[in-house]
Protein backbone atom coordinates (compact mmCIF):
# COMPACT_ATOMS: atom_id res chain seq x y z
CA MET A 1 6.65 -1.82 -31.72
CA ASN A 2 3.70 0.41 -30.94
CA LEU A 3 4.83 3.32 -28.77
CA ARG A 4 1.22 3.91 -27.70
CA ASP A 5 1.42 0.69 -25.68
CA TYR A 6 3.83 2.48 -23.35
CA LEU A 7 1.94 5.74 -23.00
CA LYS A 8 -1.36 7.00 -21.64
CA ASN A 9 -4.34 5.39 -23.34
CA GLU A 10 -7.65 7.18 -23.03
CA GLY A 11 -10.37 5.00 -21.57
CA GLU A 12 -7.90 2.50 -20.13
CA LYS A 13 -8.65 1.25 -16.61
CA PRO A 14 -5.82 0.65 -14.13
CA LEU A 15 -5.83 -3.15 -14.32
CA ASP A 16 -6.68 -3.57 -17.99
CA ARG A 17 -3.03 -4.40 -18.71
CA ILE A 18 -1.21 -6.75 -16.36
CA VAL A 19 2.58 -6.53 -16.39
CA ASP A 20 4.78 -9.35 -15.10
CA ASP A 21 8.05 -7.44 -14.81
CA GLY A 22 6.75 -4.31 -13.10
CA GLY A 23 6.57 -2.29 -16.28
CA PHE A 24 7.54 1.28 -15.50
CA ALA A 25 7.16 0.58 -11.78
CA SER A 26 10.57 -1.08 -11.99
CA LEU A 27 12.12 2.39 -12.18
CA PHE A 28 12.00 2.31 -8.37
CA ARG A 29 15.17 0.65 -7.12
CA THR A 30 13.93 0.67 -3.52
CA PHE A 31 10.43 0.67 -2.11
CA ALA A 32 8.91 0.05 1.30
CA CYS A 33 5.64 -1.75 2.03
CA VAL A 34 3.88 -0.27 5.06
CA GLY A 35 1.13 -2.64 6.10
CA ASP A 36 -0.33 -5.52 8.05
CA SER A 37 -0.56 -9.29 7.52
CA LEU A 38 -1.24 -9.13 3.79
CA SER A 39 1.92 -7.05 3.37
CA SER A 40 3.84 -9.66 5.37
CA GLY A 41 3.06 -12.82 3.42
CA GLU A 42 1.09 -14.16 6.33
CA PHE A 43 -0.28 -17.69 6.15
CA GLU A 44 -3.13 -18.80 8.38
CA THR A 45 -2.98 -22.44 9.48
CA LEU A 46 -5.36 -24.69 11.43
CA ASP A 47 -4.39 -27.43 13.87
CA GLU A 48 -6.30 -30.65 14.51
CA ARG A 49 -8.60 -28.86 16.96
CA GLY A 50 -9.31 -25.97 14.64
CA GLY A 51 -6.96 -23.61 16.42
CA LYS A 52 -5.52 -20.91 14.20
CA GLY A 53 -1.87 -20.12 13.63
CA TYR A 54 -0.59 -16.93 11.99
CA HIS A 55 2.82 -16.91 10.34
CA ASP A 56 4.50 -13.92 8.68
CA LEU A 57 6.67 -15.34 5.90
CA PHE A 58 7.97 -12.20 4.26
CA GLU A 59 9.49 -13.93 1.24
CA TYR A 60 5.91 -14.74 0.18
CA SER A 61 4.65 -11.18 0.57
CA TRP A 62 3.44 -9.35 -2.52
CA GLY A 63 6.18 -6.78 -1.97
CA GLN A 64 8.94 -9.39 -2.21
CA TYR A 65 7.32 -10.98 -5.28
CA MET A 66 7.34 -7.50 -6.82
CA ALA A 67 10.97 -6.95 -5.90
CA ARG A 68 12.06 -10.20 -7.53
CA ALA A 69 10.08 -9.43 -10.69
CA MET A 70 11.38 -5.86 -10.88
CA GLY A 71 14.96 -6.48 -9.80
CA SER A 72 14.46 -3.96 -7.00
CA ARG A 73 14.82 -4.02 -3.22
CA ALA A 74 11.70 -4.12 -1.06
CA TYR A 75 11.47 -3.42 2.66
CA ASN A 76 8.70 -5.08 4.66
CA PHE A 77 7.66 -2.36 7.11
CA SER A 78 4.80 -4.56 8.26
CA ARG A 79 3.52 -7.23 10.63
CA GLY A 80 0.39 -9.30 10.99
CA GLY A 81 -2.27 -7.45 12.96
CA MET A 82 -0.68 -4.05 12.37
CA SER A 83 -2.73 -0.87 12.62
CA ALA A 84 -1.77 2.70 11.79
CA LYS A 85 -2.11 3.51 15.50
CA GLU A 86 0.33 0.84 16.65
CA TYR A 87 2.69 1.56 13.78
CA MET A 88 2.93 5.21 14.74
CA GLU A 89 2.92 4.82 18.51
CA ARG A 90 5.58 2.11 18.91
CA PHE A 91 6.08 -0.45 16.12
CA ALA A 92 8.14 1.66 13.71
CA ASP A 93 10.31 2.92 16.57
CA GLN A 94 10.87 -0.57 17.93
CA LYS A 95 11.86 -1.87 14.49
CA GLY A 96 13.99 1.10 13.48
CA PHE A 97 11.83 1.85 10.45
CA TRP A 98 12.46 5.59 10.74
CA ASP A 99 16.16 4.99 10.10
CA PRO A 100 17.30 7.26 7.21
CA ALA A 101 19.48 4.38 6.02
CA LEU A 102 16.23 2.66 4.97
CA ALA A 103 14.95 5.66 3.02
CA SER A 104 13.16 4.49 -0.11
CA GLN A 105 12.25 5.94 -3.47
CA ALA A 106 8.65 4.79 -3.08
CA TYR A 107 6.35 3.82 -0.21
CA ILE A 108 3.32 1.59 -0.69
CA PHE A 109 0.76 1.87 2.11
CA ALA A 110 -1.66 -1.00 2.75
CA LEU A 111 -3.03 -0.18 6.20
CA GLY A 112 -6.59 -0.02 7.46
CA VAL A 113 -8.05 -3.50 7.89
CA ASN A 114 -7.17 -3.75 11.57
CA ASP A 115 -7.97 -0.07 12.17
CA VAL A 116 -11.49 -0.66 10.84
CA SER A 117 -11.81 -3.60 13.24
CA MET A 118 -10.77 -1.28 16.07
CA CYS A 119 -13.41 1.22 14.97
CA LEU A 120 -16.05 -1.50 15.09
CA ARG A 121 -14.98 -2.35 18.65
CA GLY A 122 -15.18 1.29 19.69
CA GLU A 123 -11.41 1.52 20.27
CA LEU A 124 -10.68 4.07 17.54
CA GLU A 125 -12.40 6.60 15.32
CA LEU A 126 -11.87 6.66 11.56
CA GLY A 127 -11.48 10.43 11.70
CA SER A 128 -11.20 12.92 8.85
CA MET A 129 -8.74 15.22 7.14
CA ASP A 130 -9.41 17.70 9.94
CA ASP A 131 -7.17 15.44 12.04
CA VAL A 132 -4.20 16.09 9.74
CA LYS A 133 -2.05 19.03 10.87
CA PRO A 134 1.10 20.59 9.37
CA ASP A 135 3.14 19.04 12.19
CA TRP A 136 2.40 15.32 12.52
CA ARG A 137 2.90 15.56 16.28
CA ASP A 138 -0.33 17.57 16.45
CA ASN A 139 -2.43 15.12 14.42
CA GLY A 140 -5.66 13.79 15.88
CA ARG A 141 -5.62 10.39 17.56
CA THR A 142 -7.74 8.78 14.86
CA PHE A 143 -6.98 6.46 11.98
CA ALA A 144 -6.73 9.50 9.70
CA GLY A 145 -4.34 11.22 12.07
CA TYR A 146 -2.09 8.22 12.57
CA TYR A 147 -2.07 7.27 8.87
CA ALA A 148 -1.18 10.81 7.81
CA ALA A 149 1.54 10.99 10.47
CA ILE A 150 3.25 7.94 8.97
CA ILE A 151 3.25 9.61 5.56
CA GLN A 152 4.54 12.84 7.07
CA ARG A 153 7.40 11.14 8.88
CA TYR A 154 8.53 9.27 5.77
CA LYS A 155 8.32 12.50 3.79
CA GLU A 156 10.78 13.99 6.28
CA ILE A 157 13.12 11.04 5.68
CA SER A 158 12.72 10.83 1.90
CA PRO A 159 11.29 14.17 0.70
CA ASP A 160 11.14 13.32 -3.00
CA ALA A 161 9.74 9.81 -2.62
CA LYS A 162 6.49 8.77 -4.28
CA PHE A 163 3.63 7.42 -2.15
CA PHE A 164 1.11 4.84 -3.32
CA LEU A 165 -1.90 4.46 -1.01
CA MET A 166 -4.06 1.35 -1.30
CA THR A 167 -7.76 0.94 -0.67
CA MET A 168 -9.31 -2.35 0.44
CA PRO A 169 -10.83 -4.64 -2.21
CA ARG A 170 -14.51 -5.46 -2.03
CA ASP A 171 -15.41 -8.67 -0.24
CA PRO A 172 -19.05 -9.88 -0.17
CA ASN A 173 -18.29 -11.74 3.08
CA ARG A 174 -17.93 -8.46 4.98
CA THR A 175 -20.57 -7.77 7.62
CA PRO A 176 -23.06 -4.96 6.95
CA GLU A 177 -21.52 -2.95 9.79
CA ARG A 178 -18.04 -3.13 8.26
CA VAL A 179 -18.80 -2.06 4.69
CA PRO A 180 -19.53 1.64 5.43
CA LEU A 181 -16.26 1.92 7.37
CA GLU A 182 -14.30 0.36 4.51
CA ASP A 183 -16.00 2.77 2.11
CA GLY A 184 -15.08 5.62 4.45
CA HIS A 185 -11.51 4.35 4.54
CA ALA A 186 -11.39 4.48 0.73
CA ARG A 187 -12.66 8.07 0.70
CA LEU A 188 -10.00 9.00 3.24
CA ILE A 189 -7.27 7.39 1.12
CA HIS A 190 -8.33 9.49 -1.87
CA ALA A 191 -8.34 12.59 0.34
CA MET A 192 -4.86 11.77 1.63
CA ALA A 193 -3.50 11.42 -1.89
CA ALA A 194 -5.04 14.75 -2.84
CA HIS A 195 -3.59 16.39 0.27
CA PHE A 196 -0.01 15.13 0.06
CA GLU A 197 2.21 15.88 -2.90
CA LYS A 198 3.72 13.00 -4.89
CA SER A 199 0.93 10.68 -3.72
CA TYR A 200 -1.33 8.38 -5.73
CA VAL A 201 -4.15 5.93 -5.03
CA ILE A 202 -4.03 2.23 -5.84
CA ASP A 203 -7.79 1.84 -5.75
CA LEU A 204 -8.35 -1.88 -5.34
CA ARG A 205 -11.80 -1.17 -3.97
CA GLN A 206 -12.90 0.06 -7.39
CA TYR A 207 -10.74 -1.92 -9.80
CA ALA A 208 -9.62 -5.20 -8.20
CA PRO A 209 -11.64 -8.37 -8.75
CA LEU A 210 -14.37 -9.06 -6.23
CA TYR A 211 -12.99 -11.22 -3.43
CA ASP A 212 -15.90 -13.62 -3.72
CA ARG A 213 -16.21 -17.38 -3.30
CA GLU A 214 -14.39 -18.15 -6.55
CA PHE A 215 -11.54 -15.83 -5.60
CA ARG A 216 -11.23 -17.37 -2.15
CA ASP A 217 -11.35 -20.93 -3.48
CA ASN A 218 -8.34 -20.19 -5.64
CA PHE A 219 -6.29 -17.59 -3.80
CA TYR A 220 -6.91 -18.07 -0.07
CA LEU A 221 -5.54 -20.37 2.63
CA ASN A 222 -8.16 -20.13 5.38
CA GLY A 223 -8.53 -16.43 6.28
CA HIS A 224 -5.46 -15.08 4.45
CA LEU A 225 -3.98 -15.35 0.98
CA ASN A 226 -2.09 -18.39 -0.26
CA PRO A 227 1.12 -18.11 -2.35
CA CYS A 228 -0.85 -17.67 -5.58
CA GLY A 229 -2.89 -14.95 -3.91
CA TYR A 230 0.23 -13.01 -2.97
CA ILE A 231 1.61 -13.38 -6.49
CA LEU A 232 -1.69 -12.15 -7.95
CA THR A 233 -1.63 -9.17 -5.58
CA ALA A 234 1.93 -8.37 -6.66
CA LYS A 235 0.81 -8.39 -10.29
CA MET A 236 -2.10 -6.06 -9.51
CA VAL A 237 0.04 -3.60 -7.54
CA MET A 238 2.84 -3.53 -10.14
CA SER A 239 0.35 -3.11 -12.97
CA TYR A 240 -1.52 -0.34 -11.18
CA MET A 241 1.74 1.51 -10.50
CA ASP A 242 2.74 1.09 -14.16
CA TYR A 243 -0.65 2.55 -15.14
CA ILE A 244 -0.19 5.51 -12.79
CA ILE A 245 3.26 6.24 -14.20
CA ARG A 246 2.14 5.96 -17.83
CA HIS A 247 -0.73 8.34 -17.14
CA ASN A 248 1.48 10.82 -15.28
CA MET A 249 4.79 10.57 -17.14
CA ASP A 250 5.98 14.05 -16.27
CA ASP A 251 5.61 13.30 -12.53
CA PHE A 252 8.17 10.52 -12.82
CA ARG A 253 10.64 12.12 -15.23
CA GLU A 254 13.13 12.76 -12.41
CA ALA A 255 12.36 9.67 -10.30
CA GLY A 256 15.86 8.33 -10.85
CA LEU A 257 17.21 11.22 -8.79
CA ILE A 258 15.18 10.32 -5.67
CA GLY A 259 17.58 9.68 -2.83
CA THR A 260 20.58 11.15 -4.64
CA PRO A 261 22.29 14.52 -4.11
CA PHE A 262 21.55 15.50 -7.68
CA VAL A 263 18.96 18.10 -8.68
CA ASN A 264 17.57 18.87 -12.10
CA VAL A 265 16.60 22.53 -12.47
CA ARG A 266 14.39 23.06 -15.51
CA PRO A 267 14.82 26.31 -17.43
CA ARG A 268 11.95 28.73 -17.00
């Protein structure tokens, strides 16, 4: 056994090593996936006239594939078409997702696709970190403000939880108008992780494979992922989290105490 395989390796990129059992990410016994259709295992179907059907099948979501691989419990705090704005304004309340009984040790955020679409339609602004206030109730009514408010509310519920914030992978099929907004979204995600303690970036925009024609031919069913695509996403997210933990071991030394009444006070 080479202990270095389980520690920080200089020069290693986040997805250089793919783990099938979650690696060190399996230390989380509960985690919640805050997101849209891709967090919900949504399949897109076509009828004989070309009409589209959208079906959230949560057991196929990458979060549930992760949970089965890791032996952990995953909560799908998601729905197809979800935006940070809707999540904060009504969806989470309607679904009871602020319930302390659902407090998790980790939260994985995969929101932004539908918010970017709203920005393109002139219904929302992407915003900036200036929209993030100490009290989430005062946040600006922008994507940045709503997204940060969700983090802030879950931090109230589970103060010691770890937060993993995902960027959107690159897709050459995106329109020229959309790409700058997705790039801006990625910059915001990095800024959020820097702003909030215990937060990390799963930067699929930089490190995931390009979602090109070959990727779509193998991992898509019409406009959304197929089962293999959700499994592949689960492998990427688990492996990225394992990488983050291995490269920040001291941050996760006490992760087993998250959600318990126990506190470890280190001698000065």
